[in-house]
Amino acid sequence: MSAYLSGSDMGAWVWNRHQNLFSWYSRPVFIVPAAYYAYRRKLWHILGFMALLLTSLFWFDAPTTVPPEVREYLQWEEQLFFTNDNKLPLIALTVGATLFLFLLFYAFWQRNVWYGLALINAGTLLKIAVSISLGQEAGSAAIAPSLSSLLVINLIAWGVYRRTRGSERPLRSPSHSLGSAPDIND
């Protein structure tokens, strides 16, 4: 707020903070709870976490030093999406990211956790492939944050699966009814 009130160029202010790698690694902090709330069918919670994800670009201070590969990646990203006369890449990014998030949360909303997990894995691998194919060497800066996010999300999913799988009770056989002797396996 102070930057806005002081008349700073907000685009440059946000962009400088986007260079902080903490904002790149913080994505699972927002995707995991949003997927959980999609599963619980709480739309306002999902939208709230997506707003937090979008604003997380500028939560962190601008770094004092930026690794060269990050600087190159962000220069490539800026040129492709913002200073390019052709707006097709920006439109494709916006539509692609929106469609991906919609499908991801729809999968969890429908309680299809495996489809949701497959989507997040495929989407992350696609992001890496696009970054490397379009950004060439500069695109490799997206690999570590993307794979670490994927690792965290998959570890959380595995932990939830292990925890819930062990707590499920087996279904009783249909022949077991009131008044009959219980099965010795119950």
C-alpha atoms as a PDB file:
ATOM      1  CA  MET A   1       0.000   0.000   0.000  1.00  0.00           C
ATOM      2  CA  SER A   2       2.847   2.366   0.820  1.00  0.00           C
ATOM      3  CA  ALA A   3       4.385   1.751  -2.620  1.00  0.00           C
ATOM      4  CA  TYR A   4       1.075   2.579  -4.282  1.00  0.00           C
ATOM      5  CA  LEU A   5       0.554   5.708  -2.196  1.00  0.00           C
ATOM      6  CA  SER A   6       4.105   6.880  -2.849  1.00  0.00           C
ATOM      7  CA  GLY A   7       3.434   6.834  -6.593  1.00  0.00           C
ATOM      8  CA  SER A   8       5.765   3.942  -7.420  1.00  0.00           C
ATOM      9  CA  ASP A   9       5.412   2.150 -10.732  1.00  0.00           C
ATOM     10  CA  MET A  10       3.347  -0.782  -9.447  1.00  0.00           C
ATOM     11  CA  GLY A  11       4.261  -3.037 -12.371  1.00  0.00           C
ATOM     12  CA  ALA A  12       7.980  -2.639 -11.664  1.00  0.00           C
ATOM     13  CA  TRP A  13       7.383  -2.927  -7.917  1.00  0.00           C
ATOM     14  CA  VAL A  14       5.550  -6.269  -8.347  1.00  0.00           C
ATOM     15  CA  TRP A  15       8.046  -7.520 -10.945  1.00  0.00           C
ATOM     16  CA  ASN A  16      11.006  -6.826  -8.634  1.00  0.00           C
ATOM     17  CA  ARG A  17       9.348  -8.860  -5.888  1.00  0.00           C
ATOM     18  CA  HIS A  18       8.500 -11.679  -8.300  1.00  0.00           C
ATOM     19  CA  GLN A  19      12.250 -12.247  -8.601  1.00  0.00           C
ATOM     20  CA  ASN A  20      12.267 -13.536  -5.016  1.00  0.00           C
ATOM     21  CA  LEU A  21      12.380 -17.321  -5.262  1.00  0.00           C
ATOM     22  CA  PHE A  22      10.233 -17.724  -2.132  1.00  0.00           C
ATOM     23  CA  SER A  23       7.251 -16.677  -4.253  1.00  0.00           C
ATOM     24  CA  TRP A  24       8.100 -19.441  -6.737  1.00  0.00           C
ATOM     25  CA  TYR A  25       8.364 -22.133  -4.074  1.00  0.00           C
ATOM     26  CA  SER A  26       5.236 -21.065  -2.166  1.00  0.00           C
ATOM     27  CA  ARG A  27       2.702 -22.407  -4.689  1.00  0.00           C
ATOM     28  CA  PRO A  28       1.857 -25.689  -2.894  1.00  0.00           C
ATOM     29  CA  VAL A  29       0.909 -23.605   0.160  1.00  0.00           C
ATOM     30  CA  PHE A  30      -2.055 -22.366  -1.909  1.00  0.00           C
ATOM     31  CA  ILE A  31      -2.794 -25.225  -4.326  1.00  0.00           C
ATOM     32  CA  VAL A  32      -3.110 -27.942  -1.647  1.00  0.00           C
ATOM     33  CA  PRO A  33      -5.678 -26.122   0.541  1.00  0.00           C
ATOM     34  CA  ALA A  34      -7.585 -24.939  -2.548  1.00  0.00           C
ATOM     35  CA  ALA A  35      -7.808 -28.553  -3.765  1.00  0.00           C
ATOM     36  CA  TYR A  36      -8.943 -29.611  -0.284  1.00  0.00           C
ATOM     37  CA  TYR A  37     -11.689 -26.988  -0.296  1.00  0.00           C
ATOM     38  CA  ALA A  38     -12.701 -28.033  -3.809  1.00  0.00           C
ATOM     39  CA  TYR A  39     -13.109 -31.543  -2.421  1.00  0.00           C
ATOM     40  CA  ARG A  40     -15.207 -30.079   0.405  1.00  0.00           C
ATOM     41  CA  ARG A  41     -17.116 -27.987  -2.202  1.00  0.00           C
ATOM     42  CA  LYS A  42     -16.430 -24.598  -0.640  1.00  0.00           C
ATOM     43  CA  LEU A  43     -16.214 -22.203  -3.585  1.00  0.00           C
ATOM     44  CA  TRP A  44     -15.344 -19.046  -1.617  1.00  0.00           C
ATOM     45  CA  HIS A  45     -12.433 -20.811   0.070  1.00  0.00           C
ATOM     46  CA  ILE A  46     -11.076 -21.898  -3.324  1.00  0.00           C
ATOM     47  CA  LEU A  47     -11.380 -18.364  -4.690  1.00  0.00           C
ATOM     48  CA  GLY A  48      -9.717 -16.986  -1.568  1.00  0.00           C
ATOM     49  CA  PHE A  49      -6.712 -19.280  -1.926  1.00  0.00           C
ATOM     50  CA  MET A  50      -6.438 -18.418  -5.629  1.00  0.00           C
ATOM     51  CA  ALA A  51      -6.423 -14.717  -4.715  1.00  0.00           C
ATOM     52  CA  LEU A  52      -3.644 -15.461  -2.231  1.00  0.00           C
ATOM     53  CA  LEU A  53      -1.741 -17.359  -4.922  1.00  0.00           C
ATOM     54  CA  LEU A  54      -1.997 -14.465  -7.375  1.00  0.00           C
ATOM     55  CA  THR A  55      -0.912 -11.889  -4.816  1.00  0.00           C
ATOM     56  CA  SER A  56       1.938 -14.055  -3.493  1.00  0.00           C
ATOM     57  CA  LEU A  57       4.020 -12.688  -6.369  1.00  0.00           C
ATOM     58  CA  PHE A  58       4.676  -9.570  -4.329  1.00  0.00           C
ATOM     59  CA  TRP A  59       4.481 -10.661  -0.699  1.00  0.00           C
ATOM     60  CA  PHE A  60       8.226 -11.026  -0.392  1.00  0.00           C
ATOM     61  CA  ASP A  61      10.801  -8.266  -0.528  1.00  0.00           C
ATOM     62  CA  ALA A  62      12.705  -7.725  -3.717  1.00  0.00           C
ATOM     63  CA  PRO A  63      15.874  -9.814  -3.465  1.00  0.00           C
ATOM     64  CA  THR A  64      19.214  -8.056  -3.113  1.00  0.00           C
ATOM     65  CA  THR A  65      20.794 -10.489  -5.569  1.00  0.00           C
ATOM     66  CA  VAL A  66      19.070 -12.467  -8.285  1.00  0.00           C
ATOM     67  CA  PRO A  67      20.703 -15.631  -9.610  1.00  0.00           C
ATOM     68  CA  PRO A  68      21.657 -15.216 -13.283  1.00  0.00           C
ATOM     69  CA  GLU A  69      19.432 -18.103 -14.440  1.00  0.00           C
ATOM     70  CA  VAL A  70      16.414 -16.553 -12.676  1.00  0.00           C
ATOM     71  CA  ARG A  71      17.169 -13.146 -14.198  1.00  0.00           C
ATOM     72  CA  GLU A  72      17.425 -14.723 -17.673  1.00  0.00           C
ATOM     73  CA  TYR A  73      14.185 -16.666 -17.180  1.00  0.00           C
ATOM     74  CA  LEU A  74      12.285 -13.587 -16.039  1.00  0.00           C
ATOM     75  CA  GLN A  75      13.679 -11.516 -18.910  1.00  0.00           C
ATOM     76  CA  TRP A  76      12.513 -14.205 -21.323  1.00  0.00           C
ATOM     77  CA  GLU A  77       9.108 -14.349 -19.578  1.00  0.00           C
ATOM     78  CA  GLU A  78       8.752 -10.562 -19.653  1.00  0.00           C
ATOM     79  CA  GLN A  79       9.674 -10.394 -23.329  1.00  0.00           C
ATOM     80  CA  LEU A  80       7.317 -13.230 -24.280  1.00  0.00           C
ATOM     81  CA  PHE A  81       4.285 -12.095 -22.316  1.00  0.00           C
ATOM     82  CA  PHE A  82       4.539  -8.344 -21.752  1.00  0.00           C
ATOM     83  CA  THR A  83       6.838  -6.489 -24.155  1.00  0.00           C
ATOM     84  CA  ASN A  84       6.034  -8.621 -27.192  1.00  0.00           C
ATOM     85  CA  ASP A  85       3.766  -6.993 -29.797  1.00  0.00           C
ATOM     86  CA  ASN A  86       2.050 -10.352 -30.279  1.00  0.00           C
ATOM     87  CA  LYS A  87      -0.402 -10.857 -27.376  1.00  0.00           C
ATOM     88  CA  LEU A  88      -1.161 -14.476 -28.327  1.00  0.00           C
ATOM     89  CA  PRO A  89       1.347 -15.932 -25.791  1.00  0.00           C
ATOM     90  CA  LEU A  90      -0.210 -13.890 -22.963  1.00  0.00           C
ATOM     91  CA  ILE A  91      -3.715 -14.928 -24.002  1.00  0.00           C
ATOM     92  CA  ALA A  92      -2.634 -18.580 -24.291  1.00  0.00           C
ATOM     93  CA  LEU A  93      -1.023 -18.421 -20.831  1.00  0.00           C
ATOM     94  CA  THR A  94      -4.107 -16.849 -19.276  1.00  0.00           C
ATOM     95  CA  VAL A  95      -6.549 -19.265 -20.911  1.00  0.00           C
ATOM     96  CA  GLY A  96      -4.298 -22.281 -20.289  1.00  0.00           C
ATOM     97  CA  ALA A  97      -3.731 -21.490 -16.601  1.00  0.00           C
ATOM     98  CA  THR A  98      -7.423 -20.750 -16.043  1.00  0.00           C
ATOM     99  CA  LEU A  99      -8.493 -23.950 -17.800  1.00  0.00           C
ATOM    100  CA  PHE A 100      -5.926 -25.985 -15.866  1.00  0.00           C
ATOM    101  CA  LEU A 101      -7.080 -24.609 -12.505  1.00  0.00           C
ATOM    102  CA  PHE A 102     -10.736 -25.096 -13.436  1.00  0.00           C
ATOM    103  CA  LEU A 103     -10.157 -28.739 -14.421  1.00  0.00           C
ATOM    104  CA  LEU A 104      -8.029 -29.344 -11.335  1.00  0.00           C
ATOM    105  CA  PHE A 105     -10.603 -27.985  -8.924  1.00  0.00           C
ATOM    106  CA  TYR A 106     -13.461 -29.594 -10.858  1.00  0.00           C
ATOM    107  CA  ALA A 107     -11.769 -32.982 -10.441  1.00  0.00           C
ATOM    108  CA  PHE A 108     -11.543 -32.475  -6.690  1.00  0.00           C
ATOM    109  CA  TRP A 109     -15.072 -31.026  -6.587  1.00  0.00           C
ATOM    110  CA  GLN A 110     -16.265 -34.272  -8.191  1.00  0.00           C
ATOM    111  CA  ARG A 111     -14.227 -36.107  -5.548  1.00  0.00           C
ATOM    112  CA  ASN A 112     -11.985 -37.692  -8.169  1.00  0.00           C
ATOM    113  CA  VAL A 113      -8.704 -37.289  -6.317  1.00  0.00           C
ATOM    114  CA  TRP A 114      -6.730 -39.486  -8.717  1.00  0.00           C
ATOM    115  CA  TYR A 115      -7.801 -37.427 -11.719  1.00  0.00           C
ATOM    116  CA  GLY A 116      -6.910 -34.234  -9.836  1.00  0.00           C
ATOM    117  CA  LEU A 117      -3.509 -35.595  -8.884  1.00  0.00           C
ATOM    118  CA  ALA A 118      -2.873 -36.749 -12.461  1.00  0.00           C
ATOM    119  CA  LEU A 119      -3.824 -33.258 -13.694  1.00  0.00           C
ATOM    120  CA  ILE A 120      -1.457 -31.465 -11.327  1.00  0.00           C
ATOM    121  CA  ASN A 121       1.381 -33.794 -12.311  1.00  0.00           C
ATOM    122  CA  ALA A 122       0.674 -33.455 -16.044  1.00  0.00           C
ATOM    123  CA  GLY A 123       0.219 -29.683 -15.774  1.00  0.00           C
ATOM    124  CA  THR A 124       3.479 -29.221 -13.920  1.00  0.00           C
ATOM    125  CA  LEU A 125       5.399 -31.384 -16.374  1.00  0.00           C
ATOM    126  CA  LEU A 126       3.794 -29.451 -19.244  1.00  0.00           C
ATOM    127  CA  LYS A 127       4.884 -26.166 -17.630  1.00  0.00           C
ATOM    128  CA  ILE A 128       8.465 -27.457 -17.469  1.00  0.00           C
ATOM    129  CA  ALA A 129       8.329 -28.664 -21.083  1.00  0.00           C
ATOM    130  CA  VAL A 130       6.958 -25.339 -22.332  1.00  0.00           C
ATOM    131  CA  SER A 131       9.498 -23.361 -20.284  1.00  0.00           C
ATOM    132  CA  ILE A 132      12.386 -25.382 -21.690  1.00  0.00           C
ATOM    133  CA  SER A 133      11.123 -25.555 -25.277  1.00  0.00           C
ATOM    134  CA  LEU A 134      10.254 -21.849 -25.530  1.00  0.00           C
ATOM    135  CA  GLY A 135      12.758 -20.421 -23.081  1.00  0.00           C
ATOM    136  CA  GLN A 136      15.646 -22.673 -24.105  1.00  0.00           C
ATOM    137  CA  GLU A 137      18.420 -22.450 -21.508  1.00  0.00           C
ATOM    138  CA  ALA A 138      16.627 -19.719 -19.537  1.00  0.00           C
ATOM    139  CA  GLY A 139      13.609 -22.028 -19.179  1.00  0.00           C
ATOM    140  CA  SER A 140      15.595 -24.412 -17.007  1.00  0.00           C
ATOM    141  CA  ALA A 141      15.167 -21.994 -14.067  1.00  0.00           C
ATOM    142  CA  ALA A 142      11.555 -23.206 -13.769  1.00  0.00           C
ATOM    143  CA  ILE A 143      12.549 -26.839 -13.221  1.00  0.00           C
ATOM    144  CA  ALA A 144      13.573 -26.807  -9.537  1.00  0.00           C
ATOM    145  CA  PRO A 145      10.593 -24.793  -8.219  1.00  0.00           C
ATOM    146  CA  SER A 146       8.147 -26.814 -10.330  1.00  0.00           C
ATOM    147  CA  LEU A 147       9.541 -30.202  -9.334  1.00  0.00           C
ATOM    148  CA  SER A 148       9.779 -29.237  -5.671  1.00  0.00           C
ATOM    149  CA  SER A 149       6.126 -28.140  -5.740  1.00  0.00           C
ATOM    150  CA  LEU A 150       5.222 -31.406  -7.398  1.00  0.00           C
ATOM    151  CA  LEU A 151       7.175 -33.363  -4.809  1.00  0.00           C
ATOM    152  CA  VAL A 152       5.455 -31.583  -1.916  1.00  0.00           C
ATOM    153  CA  ILE A 153       1.993 -32.058  -3.437  1.00  0.00           C
ATOM    154  CA  ASN A 154       2.597 -35.746  -4.181  1.00  0.00           C
ATOM    155  CA  LEU A 155       4.024 -36.368  -0.709  1.00  0.00           C
ATOM    156  CA  ILE A 156       0.980 -34.746   0.877  1.00  0.00           C
ATOM    157  CA  ALA A 157      -1.322 -36.822  -1.361  1.00  0.00           C
ATOM    158  CA  TRP A 158       0.571 -39.999  -0.475  1.00  0.00           C
ATOM    159  CA  GLY A 159       0.387 -39.175   3.239  1.00  0.00           C
ATOM    160  CA  VAL A 160      -3.353 -38.499   3.051  1.00  0.00           C
ATOM    161  CA  TYR A 161      -3.871 -41.693   1.073  1.00  0.00           C
ATOM    162  CA  ARG A 162      -1.916 -43.755   3.606  1.00  0.00           C
ATOM    163  CA  ARG A 163      -3.776 -42.190   6.502  1.00  0.00           C
ATOM    164  CA  THR A 164      -7.258 -42.604   5.031  1.00  0.00           C
ATOM    165  CA  ARG A 165      -6.629 -46.060   3.604  1.00  0.00           C
ATOM    166  CA  GLY A 166      -5.748 -47.384   7.043  1.00  0.00           C
ATOM    167  CA  SER A 167      -8.773 -45.803   8.707  1.00  0.00           C
ATOM    168  CA  GLU A 168     -11.375 -47.230   6.331  1.00  0.00           C
ATOM    169  CA  ARG A 169     -13.349 -50.105   7.751  1.00  0.00           C
ATOM    170  CA  PRO A 170     -14.034 -53.080   5.500  1.00  0.00           C
ATOM    171  CA  LEU A 171     -17.614 -53.477   4.362  1.00  0.00           C
ATOM    172  CA  ARG A 172     -19.585 -56.253   5.984  1.00  0.00           C
ATOM    173  CA  SER A 173     -20.825 -59.088   3.886  1.00  0.00           C
ATOM    174  CA  PRO A 174     -24.474 -58.874   2.765  1.00  0.00           C
ATOM    175  CA  SER A 175     -25.288 -62.152   4.537  1.00  0.00           C
ATOM    176  CA  HIS A 176     -24.538 -60.551   7.922  1.00  0.00           C
ATOM    177  CA  SER A 177     -27.857 -59.309   9.270  1.00  0.00           C
ATOM    178  CA  LEU A 178     -29.379 -58.354  12.591  1.00  0.00           C
ATOM    179  CA  GLY A 179     -30.007 -61.318  14.848  1.00  0.00           C
ATOM    180  CA  SER A 180     -27.565 -63.642  13.133  1.00  0.00           C
ATOM    181  CA  ALA A 181     -24.334 -64.733  14.676  1.00  0.00           C
ATOM    182  CA  PRO A 182     -21.427 -62.436  13.815  1.00  0.00           C
ATOM    183  CA  ASP A 183     -18.815 -63.689  11.448  1.00  0.00           C
ATOM    184  CA  ILE A 184     -15.580 -64.575  13.246  1.00  0.00           C
ATOM    185  CA  ASN A 185     -13.724 -62.325  10.787  1.00  0.00           C
ATOM    186  CA  ASP A 186     -15.656 -59.197  11.918  1.00  0.00           C
END
